[in-house]
Amino acid sequence: MGVEAAARFFYALQAIRFLSARDRSVLELLNQAPVFWKTNMGALQEATFTALGRVFDEDGRTHNVDRLLKVAQANPGIFTASALRTRKRAGAPVEPDWLDDYVANAYLPRPEDWRRLRKHVRKWRGVYATNYKNIRHRVYAHRERITLDEKAELFGRTSYEELEKLLAFLDALHEALWQLYNNGQKPVIRYRRRSIVEMLSIEAVGRRGTTAGERIARDTKQFLERHVSRHRRLDE
């Protein structure tokens, strides 16, 4: 669906911008190959809008958030206790003792659950359509002839904070569906929004405890800091 891709592109770009603005050594490292870094940062920005466009695309022939929810609702059998049992037993030589009690509490989603999730999607699709869709279509996807003033006006409608909230929703939706499918839990949207400052300051955690944005932000920081240290040693 492109959710993790959008987060990786956005937060990699954010991490580069933040670290180069905060640390002069990082900025000097980037300035050793300015065209390379400018090209990559531009590509990350374009990829962010492209990935978001794919997520919110309303074409029924593409793999988007609407199609995902439609397929999930149309196949309730994948969320039954017996289906969850099969998934939990996969690869296990014997059935775990706790499995009976575990699957007995498996939640079977109801029509109102899907309506609630779609209501969340409609809200954030409205944000995307108002402030980001035209950038994807007019600036990147179709390369329309627009003036610099028109382009500036389009980007002037965007904000990092709003994009962080939008990506936090998509991550929360992904997590809700993951928990429903893998653990039989009721699909509830729980936002885990963090700014780029918070992402770069927290300690690394396990796979299930961190988002795609957090992982790429830390990877970007570690990569830049390692190369800054290397250049410092070479200069000594």
C-alpha atoms as a PDB file:
ATOM      1  CA  MET A   1       0.000   0.000   0.000  1.00  0.00           C
ATOM      2  CA  GLY A   2       3.012   2.291   0.232  1.00  0.00           C
ATOM      3  CA  VAL A   3       2.560   3.437   3.830  1.00  0.00           C
ATOM      4  CA  GLU A   4       6.042   2.414   4.983  1.00  0.00           C
ATOM      5  CA  ALA A   5       7.590   3.728   1.772  1.00  0.00           C
ATOM      6  CA  ALA A   6       6.015   7.170   2.262  1.00  0.00           C
ATOM      7  CA  ALA A   7       7.273   7.306   5.852  1.00  0.00           C
ATOM      8  CA  ARG A   8      10.796   6.234   4.874  1.00  0.00           C
ATOM      9  CA  PHE A   9      11.067   8.824   2.120  1.00  0.00           C
ATOM     10  CA  PHE A  10       9.664  11.651   4.257  1.00  0.00           C
ATOM     11  CA  TYR A  11      11.679  11.013   7.416  1.00  0.00           C
ATOM     12  CA  ALA A  12      14.935  10.327   5.584  1.00  0.00           C
ATOM     13  CA  LEU A  13      14.552  13.767   4.013  1.00  0.00           C
ATOM     14  CA  GLN A  14      13.570  15.327   7.330  1.00  0.00           C
ATOM     15  CA  ALA A  15      16.546  13.786   9.101  1.00  0.00           C
ATOM     16  CA  ILE A  16      18.999  15.098   6.492  1.00  0.00           C
ATOM     17  CA  ARG A  17      17.514  18.588   6.665  1.00  0.00           C
ATOM     18  CA  PHE A  18      17.386  18.647  10.460  1.00  0.00           C
ATOM     19  CA  LEU A  19      20.882  17.285  11.038  1.00  0.00           C
ATOM     20  CA  SER A  20      22.512  19.540   8.439  1.00  0.00           C
ATOM     21  CA  ALA A  21      20.801  22.581   9.979  1.00  0.00           C
ATOM     22  CA  ARG A  22      21.798  21.627  13.528  1.00  0.00           C
ATOM     23  CA  ASP A  23      25.332  20.329  12.973  1.00  0.00           C
ATOM     24  CA  ARG A  24      27.786  22.343  10.872  1.00  0.00           C
ATOM     25  CA  SER A  25      29.931  19.238  10.402  1.00  0.00           C
ATOM     26  CA  VAL A  26      27.045  17.456   8.707  1.00  0.00           C
ATOM     27  CA  LEU A  27      26.422  20.470   6.477  1.00  0.00           C
ATOM     28  CA  GLU A  28      30.096  20.526   5.499  1.00  0.00           C
ATOM     29  CA  LEU A  29      29.914  16.818   4.665  1.00  0.00           C
ATOM     30  CA  LEU A  30      26.918  17.403   2.382  1.00  0.00           C
ATOM     31  CA  ASN A  31      28.657  20.347   0.754  1.00  0.00           C
ATOM     32  CA  GLN A  32      31.474  18.069  -0.385  1.00  0.00           C
ATOM     33  CA  ALA A  33      29.031  16.684  -2.969  1.00  0.00           C
ATOM     34  CA  PRO A  34      26.231  19.268  -3.116  1.00  0.00           C
ATOM     35  CA  VAL A  35      24.720  18.186  -6.433  1.00  0.00           C
ATOM     36  CA  PHE A  36      24.545  14.573  -5.265  1.00  0.00           C
ATOM     37  CA  TRP A  37      22.761  15.478  -2.021  1.00  0.00           C
ATOM     38  CA  LYS A  38      20.452  17.991  -3.685  1.00  0.00           C
ATOM     39  CA  THR A  39      19.470  15.343  -6.230  1.00  0.00           C
ATOM     40  CA  ASN A  40      18.804  12.738  -3.549  1.00  0.00           C
ATOM     41  CA  MET A  41      16.817  15.110  -1.358  1.00  0.00           C
ATOM     42  CA  GLY A  42      14.720  16.134  -4.351  1.00  0.00           C
ATOM     43  CA  ALA A  43      14.109  12.479  -5.176  1.00  0.00           C
ATOM     44  CA  LEU A  44      13.034  11.755  -1.590  1.00  0.00           C
ATOM     45  CA  GLN A  45      10.585  14.646  -1.694  1.00  0.00           C
ATOM     46  CA  GLU A  46       9.090  13.505  -4.996  1.00  0.00           C
ATOM     47  CA  ALA A  47       8.895   9.903  -3.775  1.00  0.00           C
ATOM     48  CA  THR A  48       7.020  11.012  -0.654  1.00  0.00           C
ATOM     49  CA  PHE A  49       4.235  12.652  -2.651  1.00  0.00           C
ATOM     50  CA  THR A  50       4.140   9.775  -5.133  1.00  0.00           C
ATOM     51  CA  ALA A  51       3.777   7.171  -2.386  1.00  0.00           C
ATOM     52  CA  LEU A  52       1.023   9.154  -0.642  1.00  0.00           C
ATOM     53  CA  GLY A  53      -0.790   9.436  -3.962  1.00  0.00           C
ATOM     54  CA  ARG A  54      -0.764   5.657  -4.341  1.00  0.00           C
ATOM     55  CA  VAL A  55      -2.121   5.173  -0.828  1.00  0.00           C
ATOM     56  CA  PHE A  56      -5.046   7.546  -1.313  1.00  0.00           C
ATOM     57  CA  ASP A  57      -5.696   6.708  -4.961  1.00  0.00           C
ATOM     58  CA  GLU A  58      -9.414   5.968  -5.433  1.00  0.00           C
ATOM     59  CA  ASP A  59      -8.970   3.837  -8.547  1.00  0.00           C
ATOM     60  CA  GLY A  60     -10.391   0.407  -7.720  1.00  0.00           C
ATOM     61  CA  ARG A  61      -7.826  -1.256  -9.983  1.00  0.00           C
ATOM     62  CA  THR A  62      -4.861  -0.158  -7.857  1.00  0.00           C
ATOM     63  CA  HIS A  63      -3.668  -1.406  -4.485  1.00  0.00           C
ATOM     64  CA  ASN A  64      -4.703   1.466  -2.220  1.00  0.00           C
ATOM     65  CA  VAL A  65      -6.166   1.923   1.240  1.00  0.00           C
ATOM     66  CA  ASP A  66      -9.773   1.637   0.017  1.00  0.00           C
ATOM     67  CA  ARG A  67      -9.074  -1.624  -1.794  1.00  0.00           C
ATOM     68  CA  LEU A  68      -7.298  -3.007   1.273  1.00  0.00           C
ATOM     69  CA  LEU A  69     -10.293  -2.300   3.535  1.00  0.00           C
ATOM     70  CA  LYS A  70     -12.711  -3.635   0.914  1.00  0.00           C
ATOM     71  CA  VAL A  71     -10.833  -6.915   0.570  1.00  0.00           C
ATOM     72  CA  ALA A  72     -10.527  -7.293   4.343  1.00  0.00           C
ATOM     73  CA  GLN A  73     -14.237  -6.699   4.929  1.00  0.00           C
ATOM     74  CA  ALA A  74     -15.248  -8.989   2.068  1.00  0.00           C
ATOM     75  CA  ASN A  75     -13.257 -11.895   3.534  1.00  0.00           C
ATOM     76  CA  PRO A  76     -14.256 -12.179   7.207  1.00  0.00           C
ATOM     77  CA  GLY A  77     -13.051 -15.760   7.268  1.00  0.00           C
ATOM     78  CA  ILE A  78      -9.443 -14.641   7.582  1.00  0.00           C
ATOM     79  CA  PHE A  79     -10.227 -13.113  10.979  1.00  0.00           C
ATOM     80  CA  THR A  80     -12.012 -16.081  12.563  1.00  0.00           C
ATOM     81  CA  ALA A  81     -10.666 -17.941  15.585  1.00  0.00           C
ATOM     82  CA  SER A  82      -9.863 -20.998  13.452  1.00  0.00           C
ATOM     83  CA  ALA A  83      -7.909 -18.898  10.944  1.00  0.00           C
ATOM     84  CA  LEU A  84      -5.982 -17.225  13.766  1.00  0.00           C
ATOM     85  CA  ARG A  85      -5.246 -20.645  15.258  1.00  0.00           C
ATOM     86  CA  THR A  86      -3.811 -21.814  11.940  1.00  0.00           C
ATOM     87  CA  ARG A  87      -1.562 -18.757  11.715  1.00  0.00           C
ATOM     88  CA  LYS A  88      -0.323 -19.130  15.286  1.00  0.00           C
ATOM     89  CA  ARG A  89       0.387 -22.832  14.829  1.00  0.00           C
ATOM     90  CA  ALA A  90       2.352 -22.317  11.624  1.00  0.00           C
ATOM     91  CA  GLY A  91       5.848 -23.640  12.070  1.00  0.00           C
ATOM     92  CA  ALA A  92       5.234 -24.905  15.613  1.00  0.00           C
ATOM     93  CA  PRO A  93       5.998 -28.636  16.137  1.00  0.00           C
ATOM     94  CA  VAL A  94       3.167 -28.945  18.680  1.00  0.00           C
ATOM     95  CA  GLU A  95       0.186 -26.787  19.527  1.00  0.00           C
ATOM     96  CA  PRO A  96       1.031 -24.309  22.350  1.00  0.00           C
ATOM     97  CA  ASP A  97      -0.833 -24.809  25.633  1.00  0.00           C
ATOM     98  CA  TRP A  98      -2.063 -21.219  25.627  1.00  0.00           C
ATOM     99  CA  LEU A  99      -3.567 -21.335  22.148  1.00  0.00           C
ATOM    100  CA  ASP A 100      -7.120 -22.368  23.084  1.00  0.00           C
ATOM    101  CA  ASP A 101      -7.621 -19.440  25.438  1.00  0.00           C
ATOM    102  CA  TYR A 102      -5.871 -17.093  23.053  1.00  0.00           C
ATOM    103  CA  VAL A 103      -8.013 -17.790  19.993  1.00  0.00           C
ATOM    104  CA  ALA A 104     -11.181 -17.927  22.092  1.00  0.00           C
ATOM    105  CA  ASN A 105     -10.839 -14.184  22.554  1.00  0.00           C
ATOM    106  CA  ALA A 106     -10.165 -13.435  18.883  1.00  0.00           C
ATOM    107  CA  TYR A 107     -12.146 -10.434  17.724  1.00  0.00           C
ATOM    108  CA  LEU A 108     -14.269 -10.815  14.600  1.00  0.00           C
ATOM    109  CA  PRO A 109     -14.612  -7.363  13.023  1.00  0.00           C
ATOM    110  CA  ARG A 110     -18.104  -5.991  12.543  1.00  0.00           C
ATOM    111  CA  PRO A 111     -19.525  -3.661   9.887  1.00  0.00           C
ATOM    112  CA  GLU A 112     -19.270  -0.739  12.304  1.00  0.00           C
ATOM    113  CA  ASP A 113     -15.522  -1.372  12.677  1.00  0.00           C
ATOM    114  CA  TRP A 114     -14.995  -1.004   8.947  1.00  0.00           C
ATOM    115  CA  ARG A 115     -17.216   2.095   8.854  1.00  0.00           C
ATOM    116  CA  ARG A 116     -15.147   3.660  11.624  1.00  0.00           C
ATOM    117  CA  LEU A 117     -11.885   2.936   9.834  1.00  0.00           C
ATOM    118  CA  ARG A 118     -13.262   4.356   6.584  1.00  0.00           C
ATOM    119  CA  LYS A 119     -14.337   7.498   8.422  1.00  0.00           C
ATOM    120  CA  HIS A 120     -10.722   7.998   9.513  1.00  0.00           C
ATOM    121  CA  VAL A 121      -9.550   7.416   5.941  1.00  0.00           C
ATOM    122  CA  ARG A 122     -12.036   9.958   4.554  1.00  0.00           C
ATOM    123  CA  LYS A 123     -10.794  12.580   6.995  1.00  0.00           C
ATOM    124  CA  TRP A 124      -7.152  12.182   6.000  1.00  0.00           C
ATOM    125  CA  ARG A 125      -7.911  11.755   2.316  1.00  0.00           C
ATOM    126  CA  GLY A 126      -9.555  15.175   2.551  1.00  0.00           C
ATOM    127  CA  VAL A 127      -6.333  16.616   3.981  1.00  0.00           C
ATOM    128  CA  TYR A 128      -4.305  14.942   1.238  1.00  0.00           C
ATOM    129  CA  ALA A 129      -6.678  16.103  -1.511  1.00  0.00           C
ATOM    130  CA  THR A 130      -6.688  19.694  -0.271  1.00  0.00           C
ATOM    131  CA  ASN A 131      -2.977  20.245   0.314  1.00  0.00           C
ATOM    132  CA  TYR A 132      -0.923  17.521  -1.394  1.00  0.00           C
ATOM    133  CA  LYS A 133      -2.744  15.923  -4.325  1.00  0.00           C
ATOM    134  CA  ASN A 134      -2.105  18.808  -6.714  1.00  0.00           C
ATOM    135  CA  ILE A 135       1.618  18.704  -5.957  1.00  0.00           C
ATOM    136  CA  ARG A 136       1.731  15.045  -6.887  1.00  0.00           C
ATOM    137  CA  HIS A 137      -0.291  15.560 -10.063  1.00  0.00           C
ATOM    138  CA  ARG A 138       0.839  18.969 -11.294  1.00  0.00           C
ATOM    139  CA  VAL A 139       4.480  19.050 -10.167  1.00  0.00           C
ATOM    140  CA  TYR A 140       5.581  15.416 -10.258  1.00  0.00           C
ATOM    141  CA  ALA A 141       3.219  12.946 -11.948  1.00  0.00           C
ATOM    142  CA  HIS A 142       2.164  14.860 -15.054  1.00  0.00           C
ATOM    143  CA  ARG A 143       4.767  17.629 -15.149  1.00  0.00           C
ATOM    144  CA  GLU A 144       2.288  20.347 -16.054  1.00  0.00           C
ATOM    145  CA  ARG A 145       3.554  23.717 -17.144  1.00  0.00           C
ATOM    146  CA  ILE A 146       3.229  25.825 -14.032  1.00  0.00           C
ATOM    147  CA  THR A 147       5.027  28.978 -13.015  1.00  0.00           C
ATOM    148  CA  LEU A 148       7.392  29.238 -10.090  1.00  0.00           C
ATOM    149  CA  ASP A 149       4.781  31.311  -8.278  1.00  0.00           C
ATOM    150  CA  GLU A 150       2.140  28.608  -8.800  1.00  0.00           C
ATOM    151  CA  LYS A 151       4.549  25.943  -7.566  1.00  0.00           C
ATOM    152  CA  ALA A 152       5.420  28.034  -4.511  1.00  0.00           C
ATOM    153  CA  GLU A 153       1.719  28.510  -3.803  1.00  0.00           C
ATOM    154  CA  LEU A 154       1.122  24.754  -3.901  1.00  0.00           C
ATOM    155  CA  PHE A 155       3.988  24.009  -1.535  1.00  0.00           C
ATOM    156  CA  GLY A 156       2.888  26.903   0.671  1.00  0.00           C
ATOM    157  CA  ARG A 157      -0.223  24.904   1.602  1.00  0.00           C
ATOM    158  CA  THR A 158       1.846  22.086   3.066  1.00  0.00           C
ATOM    159  CA  SER A 159       3.349  21.747   6.515  1.00  0.00           C
ATOM    160  CA  TYR A 160       5.739  19.284   8.107  1.00  0.00           C
ATOM    161  CA  GLU A 161       3.494  19.010  11.159  1.00  0.00           C
ATOM    162  CA  GLU A 162       0.475  18.099   9.043  1.00  0.00           C
ATOM    163  CA  LEU A 163       2.458  15.499   7.099  1.00  0.00           C
ATOM    164  CA  GLU A 164       3.673  14.023  10.378  1.00  0.00           C
ATOM    165  CA  LYS A 165       0.055  13.688  11.543  1.00  0.00           C
ATOM    166  CA  LEU A 166      -1.038  12.165   8.235  1.00  0.00           C
ATOM    167  CA  LEU A 167       1.773   9.610   8.327  1.00  0.00           C
ATOM    168  CA  ALA A 168       1.017   8.891  11.979  1.00  0.00           C
ATOM    169  CA  PHE A 169      -2.539   8.023  10.976  1.00  0.00           C
ATOM    170  CA  LEU A 170      -1.394   5.704   8.207  1.00  0.00           C
ATOM    171  CA  ASP A 171       0.993   3.993  10.616  1.00  0.00           C
ATOM    172  CA  ALA A 172      -1.835   3.640  13.164  1.00  0.00           C
ATOM    173  CA  LEU A 173      -4.135   2.132  10.529  1.00  0.00           C
ATOM    174  CA  HIS A 174      -1.425  -0.318   9.483  1.00  0.00           C
ATOM    175  CA  GLU A 175      -0.849  -1.293  13.121  1.00  0.00           C
ATOM    176  CA  ALA A 176      -4.591  -1.724  13.799  1.00  0.00           C
ATOM    177  CA  LEU A 177      -5.003  -4.090  10.857  1.00  0.00           C
ATOM    178  CA  TRP A 178      -1.777  -5.932  11.740  1.00  0.00           C
ATOM    179  CA  GLN A 179      -3.000  -6.541  15.292  1.00  0.00           C
ATOM    180  CA  LEU A 180      -6.408  -7.679  14.028  1.00  0.00           C
ATOM    181  CA  TYR A 181      -4.879 -10.175  11.622  1.00  0.00           C
ATOM    182  CA  ASN A 182      -2.004 -11.450  13.747  1.00  0.00           C
ATOM    183  CA  ASN A 183      -3.402 -11.229  17.276  1.00  0.00           C
ATOM    184  CA  GLY A 184      -7.173 -11.074  16.907  1.00  0.00           C
ATOM    185  CA  GLN A 185      -7.443  -7.631  18.477  1.00  0.00           C
ATOM    186  CA  LYS A 186     -10.196  -5.118  17.765  1.00  0.00           C
ATOM    187  CA  PRO A 187      -8.950  -2.621  15.132  1.00  0.00           C
ATOM    188  CA  VAL A 188      -8.500   0.654  16.989  1.00  0.00           C
ATOM    189  CA  ILE A 189      -6.619   3.705  15.689  1.00  0.00           C
ATOM    190  CA  ARG A 190      -3.931   4.661  18.207  1.00  0.00           C
ATOM    191  CA  TYR A 191      -1.754   7.530  17.051  1.00  0.00           C
ATOM    192  CA  ARG A 192       1.979   7.346  17.822  1.00  0.00           C
ATOM    193  CA  ARG A 193       3.101  10.618  16.290  1.00  0.00           C
ATOM    194  CA  ARG A 194       6.647  11.783  16.996  1.00  0.00           C
ATOM    195  CA  SER A 195       8.486  14.754  15.599  1.00  0.00           C
ATOM    196  CA  ILE A 196      11.844  14.315  13.874  1.00  0.00           C
ATOM    197  CA  VAL A 197      13.516  15.686  17.028  1.00  0.00           C
ATOM    198  CA  GLU A 198      11.892  12.968  19.151  1.00  0.00           C
ATOM    199  CA  MET A 199      12.700  10.268  16.614  1.00  0.00           C
ATOM    200  CA  LEU A 200      16.372  11.136  16.633  1.00  0.00           C
ATOM    201  CA  SER A 201      16.576  11.292  20.423  1.00  0.00           C
ATOM    202  CA  ILE A 202      14.915   8.021  21.465  1.00  0.00           C
ATOM    203  CA  GLU A 203      16.841   4.808  21.896  1.00  0.00           C
ATOM    204  CA  ALA A 204      16.485   2.036  19.343  1.00  0.00           C
ATOM    205  CA  VAL A 205      13.745  -0.463  20.114  1.00  0.00           C
ATOM    206  CA  GLY A 206      12.528  -3.716  18.635  1.00  0.00           C
ATOM    207  CA  ARG A 207      10.831  -4.176  15.296  1.00  0.00           C
ATOM    208  CA  ARG A 208       7.289  -4.184  16.667  1.00  0.00           C
ATOM    209  CA  GLY A 209       7.941  -1.188  18.878  1.00  0.00           C
ATOM    210  CA  THR A 210       9.074   1.258  16.237  1.00  0.00           C
ATOM    211  CA  THR A 211       7.747   2.806  13.033  1.00  0.00           C
ATOM    212  CA  ALA A 212       9.294   2.902   9.576  1.00  0.00           C
ATOM    213  CA  GLY A 213       9.853   6.643  10.020  1.00  0.00           C
ATOM    214  CA  GLU A 214      11.734   6.146  13.265  1.00  0.00           C
ATOM    215  CA  ARG A 215      13.945   3.446  11.795  1.00  0.00           C
ATOM    216  CA  ILE A 216      14.975   5.460   8.746  1.00  0.00           C
ATOM    217  CA  ALA A 217      15.524   8.627  10.801  1.00  0.00           C
ATOM    218  CA  ARG A 218      17.946   6.784  13.099  1.00  0.00           C
ATOM    219  CA  ASP A 219      19.658   5.052  10.171  1.00  0.00           C
ATOM    220  CA  THR A 220      20.157   8.406   8.456  1.00  0.00           C
ATOM    221  CA  LYS A 221      21.562   9.939  11.619  1.00  0.00           C
ATOM    222  CA  GLN A 222      23.961   7.044  12.184  1.00  0.00           C
ATOM    223  CA  PHE A 223      25.141   7.118   8.565  1.00  0.00           C
ATOM    224  CA  LEU A 224      25.855  10.858   8.568  1.00  0.00           C
ATOM    225  CA  GLU A 225      27.504  10.809  11.991  1.00  0.00           C
ATOM    226  CA  ARG A 226      29.776   7.901  11.023  1.00  0.00           C
ATOM    227  CA  HIS A 227      30.940   9.725   7.905  1.00  0.00           C
ATOM    228  CA  VAL A 228      31.457  12.969   9.802  1.00  0.00           C
ATOM    229  CA  SER A 229      33.641  11.088  12.309  1.00  0.00           C
ATOM    230  CA  ARG A 230      35.562   9.414   9.498  1.00  0.00           C
ATOM    231  CA  HIS A 231      36.339  12.728   7.827  1.00  0.00           C
ATOM    232  CA  ARG A 232      37.424  14.200  11.133  1.00  0.00           C
ATOM    233  CA  ARG A 233      39.906  11.370  11.638  1.00  0.00           C
ATOM    234  CA  LEU A 234      41.252  11.832   8.119  1.00  0.00           C
ATOM    235  CA  ASP A 235      41.763  15.555   8.745  1.00  0.00           C
ATOM    236  CA  GLU A 236      43.707  14.981  11.948  1.00  0.00           C
END
